[in-house]
């Protein structure tokens, strides 16, 4: 069975008749996990696939093209990976077009959910909207489901002491550099991915070689130094991450530099994932390379301690 598809053309018959949830699911946070648990339960009840229908790109990109959109928390491949870890069988990443966005709520329900997906159960949150101009809501969806004999489960939003858990909250925490707080809302620690490019090789002269990540497509945390880790082979390697400029050397170029602690090897031109655990400090200008080296050594020790606690808790 495919795990991620980007088209509804010739939708496989063996995937029809499942339980379906529709939404953006960016970041795949604890609120999403609560909804997916119900989706999987409904799928098991009817002995059919659990399917998430999402959009790539998000509808607002077409509906409001002049609006500056921030980078997503997850690209579609990572989103599908996280959802599948929660038990989803298939993610449909629909290539959003105006034809889809012009469908009325009734047309979307009939053409997409019934005719194409053959849905037998629907699972949504209380604020779900669908159809042209977002006219449809869960009350209308309930009536449409009743008329066609589909079950509908409306899952309450997940809350904590600060309010509703949402992608917006996660994004704000990351923008504020509060990675540990953001991770507390996510189902997996926040990560970025990019290709390792060639930098100034300054890290090697300081005794801390770094992998310079390029082509990152998701939200990058603000400038600073972070504790993290990188998947290497079947395991994880502790990492110290520097995002920003290098004022000590008068270098104004913004880079994402990842130092793999206690690891040696070549990563040039490979794709690397960097998992963020916590923020240590902001970017600083030091009086000399020697002073910078001493701070880097201190940072690395703290990163190693944070990673060891994370690895122990994850066992």
C-alpha atoms as a PDB file:
ATOM      1  CA  UNK A   1       0.000   0.000   0.000  1.00  0.00           C
ATOM      2  CA  UNK A   2       1.406   3.444  -0.887  1.00  0.00           C
ATOM      3  CA  UNK A   3       1.951   5.767   2.077  1.00  0.00           C
ATOM      4  CA  UNK A   4       1.895   9.149   0.309  1.00  0.00           C
ATOM      5  CA  UNK A   5       0.195  10.044  -2.951  1.00  0.00           C
ATOM      6  CA  UNK A   6      -0.133  13.371  -4.743  1.00  0.00           C
ATOM      7  CA  UNK A   7      -3.093  12.745  -7.022  1.00  0.00           C
ATOM      8  CA  UNK A   8      -6.682  11.539  -6.947  1.00  0.00           C
ATOM      9  CA  UNK A   9      -6.573  10.325 -10.547  1.00  0.00           C
ATOM     10  CA  UNK A  10      -7.256   6.588 -10.701  1.00  0.00           C
ATOM     11  CA  UNK A  11      -7.413   6.374  -6.916  1.00  0.00           C
ATOM     12  CA  UNK A  12      -6.673   2.704  -6.002  1.00  0.00           C
ATOM     13  CA  UNK A  13      -9.801   0.709  -5.282  1.00  0.00           C
ATOM     14  CA  UNK A  14      -8.135  -1.050  -2.357  1.00  0.00           C
ATOM     15  CA  UNK A  15      -7.814   2.318  -0.604  1.00  0.00           C
ATOM     16  CA  UNK A  16     -11.460   3.304  -1.013  1.00  0.00           C
ATOM     17  CA  UNK A  17     -13.948   2.974   1.814  1.00  0.00           C
ATOM     18  CA  UNK A  18     -11.730   4.184   4.630  1.00  0.00           C
ATOM     19  CA  UNK A  19     -11.957   6.620   7.516  1.00  0.00           C
ATOM     20  CA  UNK A  20     -10.895  10.111   6.416  1.00  0.00           C
ATOM     21  CA  UNK A  21      -9.669  13.257   8.174  1.00  0.00           C
ATOM     22  CA  UNK A  22      -9.096  16.508   6.262  1.00  0.00           C
ATOM     23  CA  UNK A  23      -6.757  19.304   7.292  1.00  0.00           C
ATOM     24  CA  UNK A  24      -3.304  20.871   7.031  1.00  0.00           C
ATOM     25  CA  UNK A  25      -1.741  18.934   9.940  1.00  0.00           C
ATOM     26  CA  UNK A  26       1.369  21.153   9.790  1.00  0.00           C
ATOM     27  CA  UNK A  27       3.866  20.165  12.468  1.00  0.00           C
ATOM     28  CA  UNK A  28       1.787  17.156  13.610  1.00  0.00           C
ATOM     29  CA  UNK A  29       1.343  18.306  17.191  1.00  0.00           C
ATOM     30  CA  UNK A  30      -0.434  16.731  20.153  1.00  0.00           C
ATOM     31  CA  UNK A  31      -3.785  18.132  19.016  1.00  0.00           C
ATOM     32  CA  UNK A  32      -3.360  16.388  15.682  1.00  0.00           C
ATOM     33  CA  UNK A  33      -2.389  13.196  17.521  1.00  0.00           C
ATOM     34  CA  UNK A  34      -5.627  13.307  19.504  1.00  0.00           C
ATOM     35  CA  UNK A  35      -7.629  13.531  16.286  1.00  0.00           C
ATOM     36  CA  UNK A  36      -5.590  10.804  14.581  1.00  0.00           C
ATOM     37  CA  UNK A  37      -6.190   8.411  17.482  1.00  0.00           C
ATOM     38  CA  UNK A  38      -9.915   8.702  16.801  1.00  0.00           C
ATOM     39  CA  UNK A  39      -9.313   8.357  13.051  1.00  0.00           C
ATOM     40  CA  UNK A  40      -7.403   5.118  13.578  1.00  0.00           C
ATOM     41  CA  UNK A  41     -10.098   3.835  15.943  1.00  0.00           C
ATOM     42  CA  UNK A  42     -12.791   4.529  13.348  1.00  0.00           C
ATOM     43  CA  UNK A  43     -10.716   2.833  10.650  1.00  0.00           C
ATOM     44  CA  UNK A  44     -10.292  -0.242  12.826  1.00  0.00           C
ATOM     45  CA  UNK A  45     -14.013  -0.264  13.553  1.00  0.00           C
ATOM     46  CA  UNK A  46     -14.869  -0.489   9.849  1.00  0.00           C
ATOM     47  CA  UNK A  47     -11.760  -2.571   9.029  1.00  0.00           C
ATOM     48  CA  UNK A  48     -10.517  -0.063   6.451  1.00  0.00           C
ATOM     49  CA  UNK A  49      -7.580   2.328   5.898  1.00  0.00           C
ATOM     50  CA  UNK A  50      -7.054   5.448   7.998  1.00  0.00           C
ATOM     51  CA  UNK A  51      -6.580   8.270   5.476  1.00  0.00           C
ATOM     52  CA  UNK A  52      -5.483  11.883   5.951  1.00  0.00           C
ATOM     53  CA  UNK A  53      -6.351  14.296   3.145  1.00  0.00           C
ATOM     54  CA  UNK A  54      -4.138  17.369   3.191  1.00  0.00           C
ATOM     55  CA  UNK A  55      -3.119  20.116   0.780  1.00  0.00           C
ATOM     56  CA  UNK A  56       0.168  20.905  -0.950  1.00  0.00           C
ATOM     57  CA  UNK A  57       0.405  23.869  -1.287  1.00  0.00           C
ATOM     58  CA  UNK A  58      -1.981  25.155   1.404  1.00  0.00           C
ATOM     59  CA  UNK A  59      -5.155  26.735  -0.022  1.00  0.00           C
ATOM     60  CA  UNK A  60      -4.281  30.240   1.237  1.00  0.00           C
ATOM     61  CA  UNK A  61      -1.361  30.363  -1.211  1.00  0.00           C
ATOM     62  CA  UNK A  62      -3.845  30.389  -4.093  1.00  0.00           C
ATOM     63  CA  UNK A  63      -6.637  32.301  -2.403  1.00  0.00           C
ATOM     64  CA  UNK A  64      -4.389  35.148  -1.220  1.00  0.00           C
ATOM     65  CA  UNK A  65      -1.276  35.091  -3.451  1.00  0.00           C
ATOM     66  CA  UNK A  66      -0.065  38.495  -2.201  1.00  0.00           C
ATOM     67  CA  UNK A  67       0.029  37.323   1.396  1.00  0.00           C
ATOM     68  CA  UNK A  68       3.517  36.564   2.668  1.00  0.00           C
ATOM     69  CA  UNK A  69       3.410  33.021   3.981  1.00  0.00           C
ATOM     70  CA  UNK A  70       5.917  31.837   6.528  1.00  0.00           C
ATOM     71  CA  UNK A  71       7.770  28.591   5.984  1.00  0.00           C
ATOM     72  CA  UNK A  72       5.886  25.482   7.114  1.00  0.00           C
ATOM     73  CA  UNK A  73       6.812  23.497  10.202  1.00  0.00           C
ATOM     74  CA  UNK A  74       7.014  20.325   8.132  1.00  0.00           C
ATOM     75  CA  UNK A  75       7.390  19.592   4.444  1.00  0.00           C
ATOM     76  CA  UNK A  76       4.848  17.148   3.087  1.00  0.00           C
ATOM     77  CA  UNK A  77       7.159  14.132   3.269  1.00  0.00           C
ATOM     78  CA  UNK A  78       7.943  14.737   6.928  1.00  0.00           C
ATOM     79  CA  UNK A  79       4.268  15.362   7.646  1.00  0.00           C
ATOM     80  CA  UNK A  80       3.358  12.008   6.122  1.00  0.00           C
ATOM     81  CA  UNK A  81       6.127  10.292   8.087  1.00  0.00           C
ATOM     82  CA  UNK A  82       4.895  11.709  11.392  1.00  0.00           C
ATOM     83  CA  UNK A  83       1.264  10.864  10.648  1.00  0.00           C
ATOM     84  CA  UNK A  84       2.177   7.308   9.737  1.00  0.00           C
ATOM     85  CA  UNK A  85       4.001   6.923  13.057  1.00  0.00           C
ATOM     86  CA  UNK A  86       0.627   7.706  14.656  1.00  0.00           C
ATOM     87  CA  UNK A  87      -1.075   4.931  12.687  1.00  0.00           C
ATOM     88  CA  UNK A  88      -2.273   6.655   9.488  1.00  0.00           C
ATOM     89  CA  UNK A  89      -2.203   4.295   6.506  1.00  0.00           C
ATOM     90  CA  UNK A  90      -2.256   6.851   3.698  1.00  0.00           C
ATOM     91  CA  UNK A  91      -1.688  10.582   3.270  1.00  0.00           C
ATOM     92  CA  UNK A  92      -3.182  12.255   0.219  1.00  0.00           C
ATOM     93  CA  UNK A  93      -1.256  15.477  -0.441  1.00  0.00           C
ATOM     94  CA  UNK A  94      -3.629  17.058  -2.925  1.00  0.00           C
ATOM     95  CA  UNK A  95      -1.948  19.507  -5.352  1.00  0.00           C
ATOM     96  CA  UNK A  96      -4.296  22.382  -4.542  1.00  0.00           C
ATOM     97  CA  UNK A  97      -5.830  24.128  -7.568  1.00  0.00           C
ATOM     98  CA  UNK A  98      -8.600  26.633  -8.126  1.00  0.00           C
ATOM     99  CA  UNK A  99     -10.920  23.928  -9.413  1.00  0.00           C
ATOM    100  CA  UNK A 100     -10.863  22.290  -5.985  1.00  0.00           C
ATOM    101  CA  UNK A 101     -11.227  25.601  -4.149  1.00  0.00           C
ATOM    102  CA  UNK A 102     -14.265  26.572  -6.228  1.00  0.00           C
ATOM    103  CA  UNK A 103     -16.209  23.463  -5.208  1.00  0.00           C
ATOM    104  CA  UNK A 104     -19.140  24.146  -2.919  1.00  0.00           C
ATOM    105  CA  UNK A 105     -19.235  22.280   0.366  1.00  0.00           C
ATOM    106  CA  UNK A 106     -21.802  19.866  -1.060  1.00  0.00           C
ATOM    107  CA  UNK A 107     -19.726  19.323  -4.223  1.00  0.00           C
ATOM    108  CA  UNK A 108     -16.545  18.694  -2.237  1.00  0.00           C
ATOM    109  CA  UNK A 109     -18.355  16.180  -0.053  1.00  0.00           C
ATOM    110  CA  UNK A 110     -19.814  14.348  -3.050  1.00  0.00           C
ATOM    111  CA  UNK A 111     -16.926  14.476  -5.526  1.00  0.00           C
ATOM    112  CA  UNK A 112     -13.956  14.036  -3.212  1.00  0.00           C
ATOM    113  CA  UNK A 113     -15.160  12.221  -0.113  1.00  0.00           C
ATOM    114  CA  UNK A 114     -17.797   9.994  -1.695  1.00  0.00           C
ATOM    115  CA  UNK A 115     -17.058   9.547  -5.403  1.00  0.00           C
ATOM    116  CA  UNK A 116     -13.255   9.413  -5.214  1.00  0.00           C
ATOM    117  CA  UNK A 117     -12.333   8.254  -1.704  1.00  0.00           C
ATOM    118  CA  UNK A 118     -15.503   6.289  -1.015  1.00  0.00           C
ATOM    119  CA  UNK A 119     -15.261   7.406   2.612  1.00  0.00           C
ATOM    120  CA  UNK A 120     -17.323   5.500   5.164  1.00  0.00           C
ATOM    121  CA  UNK A 121     -16.283   7.468   8.248  1.00  0.00           C
ATOM    122  CA  UNK A 122     -15.178  11.083   8.742  1.00  0.00           C
ATOM    123  CA  UNK A 123     -13.187  12.465  11.672  1.00  0.00           C
ATOM    124  CA  UNK A 124     -12.710  16.223  12.175  1.00  0.00           C
ATOM    125  CA  UNK A 125     -12.101  18.875  14.781  1.00  0.00           C
ATOM    126  CA  UNK A 126     -14.838  21.287  15.950  1.00  0.00           C
ATOM    127  CA  UNK A 127     -13.505  24.205  13.864  1.00  0.00           C
ATOM    128  CA  UNK A 128     -13.348  22.326  10.558  1.00  0.00           C
ATOM    129  CA  UNK A 129     -14.466  24.341   7.503  1.00  0.00           C
ATOM    130  CA  UNK A 130     -14.729  23.197   3.896  1.00  0.00           C
ATOM    131  CA  UNK A 131     -16.005  24.181   0.472  1.00  0.00           C
ATOM    132  CA  UNK A 132     -15.888  27.477  -1.430  1.00  0.00           C
ATOM    133  CA  UNK A 133     -15.570  30.472   0.911  1.00  0.00           C
ATOM    134  CA  UNK A 134     -15.329  27.950   3.798  1.00  0.00           C
ATOM    135  CA  UNK A 135     -19.122  27.802   3.956  1.00  0.00           C
ATOM    136  CA  UNK A 136     -19.226  24.242   5.266  1.00  0.00           C
ATOM    137  CA  UNK A 137     -18.798  23.508   8.991  1.00  0.00           C
ATOM    138  CA  UNK A 138     -19.155  20.407  11.151  1.00  0.00           C
ATOM    139  CA  UNK A 139     -22.901  20.953  11.493  1.00  0.00           C
ATOM    140  CA  UNK A 140     -23.326  20.880   7.716  1.00  0.00           C
ATOM    141  CA  UNK A 141     -20.887  17.973   7.465  1.00  0.00           C
ATOM    142  CA  UNK A 142     -22.960  16.047   9.985  1.00  0.00           C
ATOM    143  CA  UNK A 143     -26.127  16.519   7.925  1.00  0.00           C
ATOM    144  CA  UNK A 144     -24.347  15.440   4.728  1.00  0.00           C
ATOM    145  CA  UNK A 145     -22.957  12.363   6.461  1.00  0.00           C
ATOM    146  CA  UNK A 146     -26.364  11.440   7.901  1.00  0.00           C
ATOM    147  CA  UNK A 147     -27.953  11.701   4.454  1.00  0.00           C
ATOM    148  CA  UNK A 148     -25.396   9.311   2.945  1.00  0.00           C
ATOM    149  CA  UNK A 149     -25.011   6.923   5.878  1.00  0.00           C
ATOM    150  CA  UNK A 150     -21.488   7.954   6.899  1.00  0.00           C
ATOM    151  CA  UNK A 151     -20.384   8.195  10.507  1.00  0.00           C
ATOM    152  CA  UNK A 152     -18.913  11.480  11.742  1.00  0.00           C
ATOM    153  CA  UNK A 153     -16.741  11.859  14.829  1.00  0.00           C
ATOM    154  CA  UNK A 154     -15.960  15.407  15.991  1.00  0.00           C
ATOM    155  CA  UNK A 155     -12.882  15.435  18.222  1.00  0.00           C
ATOM    156  CA  UNK A 156     -12.479  18.199  20.795  1.00  0.00           C
ATOM    157  CA  UNK A 157      -9.422  20.420  20.499  1.00  0.00           C
ATOM    158  CA  UNK A 158      -6.468  19.497  22.716  1.00  0.00           C
ATOM    159  CA  UNK A 159      -5.628  22.062  25.402  1.00  0.00           C
ATOM    160  CA  UNK A 160      -2.951  22.644  27.990  1.00  0.00           C
ATOM    161  CA  UNK A 161      -2.537  25.318  30.656  1.00  0.00           C
ATOM    162  CA  UNK A 162      -1.728  27.944  27.989  1.00  0.00           C
ATOM    163  CA  UNK A 163      -4.748  27.202  25.811  1.00  0.00           C
ATOM    164  CA  UNK A 164      -5.420  25.294  22.631  1.00  0.00           C
ATOM    165  CA  UNK A 165      -2.512  23.382  21.124  1.00  0.00           C
ATOM    166  CA  UNK A 166      -2.119  24.602  17.556  1.00  0.00           C
ATOM    167  CA  UNK A 167       0.399  24.945  14.748  1.00  0.00           C
ATOM    168  CA  UNK A 168       0.274  28.715  15.293  1.00  0.00           C
ATOM    169  CA  UNK A 169       1.420  28.308  18.904  1.00  0.00           C
ATOM    170  CA  UNK A 170       4.208  25.930  17.892  1.00  0.00           C
ATOM    171  CA  UNK A 171       5.391  28.328  15.194  1.00  0.00           C
ATOM    172  CA  UNK A 172       5.468  31.255  17.626  1.00  0.00           C
ATOM    173  CA  UNK A 173       7.466  29.287  20.177  1.00  0.00           C
ATOM    174  CA  UNK A 174      10.019  28.330  17.536  1.00  0.00           C
ATOM    175  CA  UNK A 175      10.227  31.922  16.313  1.00  0.00           C
ATOM    176  CA  UNK A 176      10.897  32.928  19.930  1.00  0.00           C
ATOM    177  CA  UNK A 177      13.692  30.346  20.183  1.00  0.00           C
ATOM    178  CA  UNK A 178      11.760  28.306  22.768  1.00  0.00           C
ATOM    179  CA  UNK A 179      12.493  24.931  21.221  1.00  0.00           C
ATOM    180  CA  UNK A 180      11.976  22.822  24.329  1.00  0.00           C
ATOM    181  CA  UNK A 181       8.535  24.402  24.844  1.00  0.00           C
ATOM    182  CA  UNK A 182       7.654  23.829  21.181  1.00  0.00           C
ATOM    183  CA  UNK A 183       8.798  20.212  21.442  1.00  0.00           C
ATOM    184  CA  UNK A 184       6.463  19.714  24.392  1.00  0.00           C
ATOM    185  CA  UNK A 185       3.541  20.390  22.027  1.00  0.00           C
ATOM    186  CA  UNK A 186       4.817  18.236  19.157  1.00  0.00           C
ATOM    187  CA  UNK A 187       4.667  14.469  18.729  1.00  0.00           C
ATOM    188  CA  UNK A 188       8.381  14.442  17.781  1.00  0.00           C
ATOM    189  CA  UNK A 189      11.111  17.046  18.456  1.00  0.00           C
ATOM    190  CA  UNK A 190      11.344  19.797  15.870  1.00  0.00           C
ATOM    191  CA  UNK A 191      13.719  19.193  13.000  1.00  0.00           C
ATOM    192  CA  UNK A 192      14.983  20.715   9.794  1.00  0.00           C
ATOM    193  CA  UNK A 193      16.664  19.013   6.854  1.00  0.00           C
ATOM    194  CA  UNK A 194      19.041  20.237   4.199  1.00  0.00           C
ATOM    195  CA  UNK A 195      21.936  19.367   1.969  1.00  0.00           C
ATOM    196  CA  UNK A 196      25.461  19.734   3.319  1.00  0.00           C
ATOM    197  CA  UNK A 197      27.306  22.397   1.340  1.00  0.00           C
ATOM    198  CA  UNK A 198      30.838  23.746   1.427  1.00  0.00           C
ATOM    199  CA  UNK A 199      31.560  26.590   3.848  1.00  0.00           C
ATOM    200  CA  UNK A 200      34.674  28.506   4.863  1.00  0.00           C
ATOM    201  CA  UNK A 201      36.074  25.440   6.726  1.00  0.00           C
ATOM    202  CA  UNK A 202      36.637  27.766   9.693  1.00  0.00           C
ATOM    203  CA  UNK A 203      35.234  25.165  12.077  1.00  0.00           C
ATOM    204  CA  UNK A 204      38.062  22.785  11.240  1.00  0.00           C
ATOM    205  CA  UNK A 205      40.676  25.375  12.209  1.00  0.00           C
ATOM    206  CA  UNK A 206      38.877  25.767  15.554  1.00  0.00           C
ATOM    207  CA  UNK A 207      38.781  22.014  16.096  1.00  0.00           C
ATOM    208  CA  UNK A 208      35.018  21.777  15.608  1.00  0.00           C
ATOM    209  CA  UNK A 209      34.209  20.944  11.965  1.00  0.00           C
ATOM    210  CA  UNK A 210      30.651  21.742  10.937  1.00  0.00           C
ATOM    211  CA  UNK A 211      28.191  20.631   8.294  1.00  0.00           C
ATOM    212  CA  UNK A 212      26.632  23.681   6.609  1.00  0.00           C
ATOM    213  CA  UNK A 213      22.993  22.968   5.794  1.00  0.00           C
ATOM    214  CA  UNK A 214      21.525  24.530   2.648  1.00  0.00           C
ATOM    215  CA  UNK A 215      18.151  24.314   0.939  1.00  0.00           C
ATOM    216  CA  UNK A 216      16.116  24.074   4.157  1.00  0.00           C
ATOM    217  CA  UNK A 217      12.421  24.275   3.247  1.00  0.00           C
ATOM    218  CA  UNK A 218      10.849  24.588   6.702  1.00  0.00           C
ATOM    219  CA  UNK A 219      10.871  27.193   9.456  1.00  0.00           C
ATOM    220  CA  UNK A 220      14.413  27.828  10.719  1.00  0.00           C
ATOM    221  CA  UNK A 221      14.755  28.812  14.401  1.00  0.00           C
ATOM    222  CA  UNK A 222      16.141  32.288  15.138  1.00  0.00           C
ATOM    223  CA  UNK A 223      19.843  33.062  15.315  1.00  0.00           C
ATOM    224  CA  UNK A 224      21.562  31.381  18.217  1.00  0.00           C
ATOM    225  CA  UNK A 225      23.284  28.238  19.470  1.00  0.00           C
ATOM    226  CA  UNK A 226      21.221  25.090  20.007  1.00  0.00           C
ATOM    227  CA  UNK A 227      21.594  21.614  21.443  1.00  0.00           C
ATOM    228  CA  UNK A 228      20.424  18.961  19.056  1.00  0.00           C
ATOM    229  CA  UNK A 229      21.155  15.632  17.443  1.00  0.00           C
ATOM    230  CA  UNK A 230      21.494  14.143  13.980  1.00  0.00           C
ATOM    231  CA  UNK A 231      20.417  10.672  12.799  1.00  0.00           C
ATOM    232  CA  UNK A 232      23.520   8.788  11.673  1.00  0.00           C
ATOM    233  CA  UNK A 233      22.978   5.230  10.504  1.00  0.00           C
ATOM    234  CA  UNK A 234      20.669   3.502  12.969  1.00  0.00           C
ATOM    235  CA  UNK A 235      21.405   5.870  15.839  1.00  0.00           C
ATOM    236  CA  UNK A 236      21.595   9.505  16.895  1.00  0.00           C
ATOM    237  CA  UNK A 237      24.659  11.682  17.272  1.00  0.00           C
ATOM    238  CA  UNK A 238      24.680  14.652  19.650  1.00  0.00           C
ATOM    239  CA  UNK A 239      25.108  17.975  17.892  1.00  0.00           C
ATOM    240  CA  UNK A 240      25.807  21.631  18.569  1.00  0.00           C
ATOM    241  CA  UNK A 241      24.047  23.933  16.084  1.00  0.00           C
ATOM    242  CA  UNK A 242      24.919  27.535  15.271  1.00  0.00           C
ATOM    243  CA  UNK A 243      22.416  29.587  13.256  1.00  0.00           C
ATOM    244  CA  UNK A 244      23.337  33.076  12.139  1.00  0.00           C
ATOM    245  CA  UNK A 245      26.374  35.175  11.313  1.00  0.00           C
ATOM    246  CA  UNK A 246      29.927  34.875  12.626  1.00  0.00           C
ATOM    247  CA  UNK A 247      30.631  38.346  14.059  1.00  0.00           C
ATOM    248  CA  UNK A 248      33.946  37.276  15.640  1.00  0.00           C
ATOM    249  CA  UNK A 249      35.356  36.913  12.109  1.00  0.00           C
ATOM    250  CA  UNK A 250      33.370  39.772  10.554  1.00  0.00           C
ATOM    251  CA  UNK A 251      31.311  37.286   8.530  1.00  0.00           C
ATOM    252  CA  UNK A 252      27.783  38.624   7.895  1.00  0.00           C
ATOM    253  CA  UNK A 253      26.567  35.593   5.940  1.00  0.00           C
ATOM    254  CA  UNK A 254      23.805  33.683   7.695  1.00  0.00           C
ATOM    255  CA  UNK A 255      24.568  29.960   7.962  1.00  0.00           C
ATOM    256  CA  UNK A 256      23.200  26.865   9.622  1.00  0.00           C
ATOM    257  CA  UNK A 257      26.267  25.097  11.002  1.00  0.00           C
ATOM    258  CA  UNK A 258      25.960  21.687  12.645  1.00  0.00           C
ATOM    259  CA  UNK A 259      28.829  20.176  14.610  1.00  0.00           C
ATOM    260  CA  UNK A 260      28.433  16.439  15.236  1.00  0.00           C
ATOM    261  CA  UNK A 261      29.889  15.758  18.664  1.00  0.00           C
ATOM    262  CA  UNK A 262      32.358  12.855  18.976  1.00  0.00           C
ATOM    263  CA  UNK A 263      31.883  11.895  15.321  1.00  0.00           C
ATOM    264  CA  UNK A 264      34.201  12.039  12.335  1.00  0.00           C
ATOM    265  CA  UNK A 265      33.475  11.562   8.653  1.00  0.00           C
ATOM    266  CA  UNK A 266      32.445  13.375   5.501  1.00  0.00           C
ATOM    267  CA  UNK A 267      28.905  14.621   4.896  1.00  0.00           C
ATOM    268  CA  UNK A 268      29.404  16.899   1.878  1.00  0.00           C
ATOM    269  CA  UNK A 269      26.479  16.827  -0.577  1.00  0.00           C
ATOM    270  CA  UNK A 270      24.494  14.425   1.628  1.00  0.00           C
ATOM    271  CA  UNK A 271      21.080  15.202   3.090  1.00  0.00           C
ATOM    272  CA  UNK A 272      21.106  15.665   6.844  1.00  0.00           C
ATOM    273  CA  UNK A 273      18.333  15.996   9.398  1.00  0.00           C
ATOM    274  CA  UNK A 274      18.988  18.183  12.416  1.00  0.00           C
ATOM    275  CA  UNK A 275      16.782  17.669  15.472  1.00  0.00           C
ATOM    276  CA  UNK A 276      16.525  20.583  17.925  1.00  0.00           C
ATOM    277  CA  UNK A 277      16.368  19.950  21.657  1.00  0.00           C
ATOM    278  CA  UNK A 278      16.952  23.337  23.316  1.00  0.00           C
ATOM    279  CA  UNK A 279      18.442  26.804  22.818  1.00  0.00           C
ATOM    280  CA  UNK A 280      21.646  27.617  24.685  1.00  0.00           C
ATOM    281  CA  UNK A 281      22.360  31.266  23.865  1.00  0.00           C
ATOM    282  CA  UNK A 282      22.310  33.965  21.221  1.00  0.00           C
ATOM    283  CA  UNK A 283      24.981  34.724  18.636  1.00  0.00           C
ATOM    284  CA  UNK A 284      27.929  36.533  20.258  1.00  0.00           C
ATOM    285  CA  UNK A 285      31.045  38.380  19.138  1.00  0.00           C
ATOM    286  CA  UNK A 286      34.162  37.250  20.985  1.00  0.00           C
ATOM    287  CA  UNK A 287      37.386  39.180  21.489  1.00  0.00           C
ATOM    288  CA  UNK A 288      39.566  36.468  19.980  1.00  0.00           C
ATOM    289  CA  UNK A 289      39.386  33.026  18.326  1.00  0.00           C
ATOM    290  CA  UNK A 290      40.757  31.558  21.571  1.00  0.00           C
ATOM    291  CA  UNK A 291      37.869  33.030  23.568  1.00  0.00           C
ATOM    292  CA  UNK A 292      35.444  31.652  20.981  1.00  0.00           C
ATOM    293  CA  UNK A 293      37.062  28.213  21.253  1.00  0.00           C
ATOM    294  CA  UNK A 294      36.574  28.196  25.020  1.00  0.00           C
ATOM    295  CA  UNK A 295      32.894  29.087  24.607  1.00  0.00           C
ATOM    296  CA  UNK A 296      32.437  26.408  21.943  1.00  0.00           C
ATOM    297  CA  UNK A 297      33.955  23.814  24.283  1.00  0.00           C
ATOM    298  CA  UNK A 298      31.502  24.872  27.004  1.00  0.00           C
ATOM    299  CA  UNK A 299      28.589  24.770  24.546  1.00  0.00           C
ATOM    300  CA  UNK A 300      29.538  21.279  23.409  1.00  0.00           C
ATOM    301  CA  UNK A 301      29.605  19.952  26.953  1.00  0.00           C
ATOM    302  CA  UNK A 302      26.158  21.389  27.614  1.00  0.00           C
ATOM    303  CA  UNK A 303      24.865  19.974  24.322  1.00  0.00           C
ATOM    304  CA  UNK A 304      26.243  16.551  25.251  1.00  0.00           C
ATOM    305  CA  UNK A 305      24.457  16.683  28.635  1.00  0.00           C
ATOM    306  CA  UNK A 306      21.132  17.742  27.086  1.00  0.00           C
ATOM    307  CA  UNK A 307      21.373  15.024  24.444  1.00  0.00           C
ATOM    308  CA  UNK A 308      22.184  12.315  27.006  1.00  0.00           C
ATOM    309  CA  UNK A 309      19.083  13.255  29.012  1.00  0.00           C
ATOM    310  CA  UNK A 310      16.980  13.173  25.847  1.00  0.00           C
ATOM    311  CA  UNK A 311      18.393   9.821  24.730  1.00  0.00           C
ATOM    312  CA  UNK A 312      17.847   8.290  28.180  1.00  0.00           C
ATOM    313  CA  UNK A 313      14.218   9.478  28.291  1.00  0.00           C
ATOM    314  CA  UNK A 314      13.598   8.183  24.746  1.00  0.00           C
ATOM    315  CA  UNK A 315      14.670   4.607  25.510  1.00  0.00           C
END
